[in-house]
Amino acid sequence: MTAALDSSWDPRTRLRVLLIEDDDGDALLVEEMLADTDVPYALERVETLTAALSGPLTADCVVLDLQLPDAMGLGGLTKLGQHAPGVAVVVLTGQHDQATGVAAVAAGAQDYLVKDQVDGPLLVKALRFARERKRAEQVEQQFLQQQLLARENARLERGLLPSPLLRDPHLDLAARYRPGRNGSLLGGDFYDAIELADGTVHMMIGDVCGHGPDEAALGVALRIAWRSLVMAGLPMPDVLSMVERVLVHERIEPLFATVCMVVVAPDRRSLRLSLAGHLPPLLLTPGDGHLLSRERLGVPLGVVEGAKWDAVDVPLEPGWSLLLYTDGVFEGRVGAGSERLGHERMAALVLDIKRETGIHGHALLDELIARAERLNSGPLDDDVALALLSHDPEAHDPEAHDPEAEADER
């Protein structure tokens, strides 16, 4: 049970005071001091702590005598704080009991007053300051709680982001992930990449429709299911079917998801592509690049029961890069109108960046996002996930034998 406190003080606002005092003379003194001021007030008095705690506290501030018939010393303050943690408390002490007043402040009171050294203006000032100190304490406590919760959520969400499993030194995976929800690290988009023992690389990217925490949780479930199924050795069509079963089982409402799944051969000269309602990747070559075909585009997961997804084989040249993406990066606007960037112009934008700057990897993804935001005249609203898998046939294999280095060592 907490006190109902105003958000700010106004001189015309009535000051609501609860006095817990068993001595009639001291109670009359407090009442006279308040009457001597020009501040409108409403004073309620009870003689015991038990009476004060018998109902809800609606006062702006409580004036508490520390010598009550049913509560002596700081025990009454402790009980009052447990009953109404949001109420501001000023304690009354005697001339020779100031040390107890200081201890009361350390124990949670906002201020203390010596009975023989207070007048009306000082009393009103103390009550108002006590109330504001309490309000400031509550705001600070709420802020600290929000910070702790935000850090805990950040640790949780960071732990749910993928850690791609790639061993091939000739492959490099660059990724960028930006949720559309403010203050969040995780959205409804998801991606992952795994290299199996035979050298086959499985890679995917997906997008759960919607942008809330339920969609983010579902995206994590789908990614983990995909990884487990791939590591178990299931064929590509079976993986998509099983991931769809997970989606249908885990979704809270009729949500669907689009998925792009790629399997790169161990010799890195070809890949197999399956699209479940998702747009095709952008294939970059040393000389140029193009979007892969979407002629075998299947339905999204969770839309048609028993759906099948055909795969298409794509040859690869040495030094290729493959960009998988979600719609957040190309659904941004172009200028002030309603025109969208679109995935084809996004692909052209990537090629322009590559030709103009020669950058690759994370730098390429950062520049793509930066240019999309400039065209959008501000940050992109939707979740953004980008995964760029690059093949470098000249990359050094740290486990390979170097005859010259071995000769130098000898």
Foldseek 3Di string as FASTA:
>chain_A
DAADADPDDDQQDAAEEEEAAQDPVLVVQLVVQQVPDPRHYDYHYDDALVVVLPDDHHGLAYEAEQDGPVHHQCRSVVVVCVSHVLHAYEYEDEPPCVVSQVVNVVVPHQGYDHSVPDGNVRVVVSSVSRSVVSVVVVVVVVVVVVVVVLVVQAVVVVVLAEDAADDDLQKDKFKDWDALDPSHDFWLKHWYWYQAPQQKIKIKIKGKPDTDPLSRVLSSQLVVQLVVCVRVPDDPFVSLLVSLVSSVVRHPDQIWMWMWMKIADNVRFKIKIWTAQFFFKWKADPVFIGGDDCPQHHHTRRDDPPTTIDIDMDTDDAWMKIKDKHCQLFQAAAPPDNHTRDPRNLSVVLRVCCVVPVDDGNVSVVVSQVVSQVRNVHHGNHIIMMMMMTGHPPRDDPPDDDVVVVVVVD
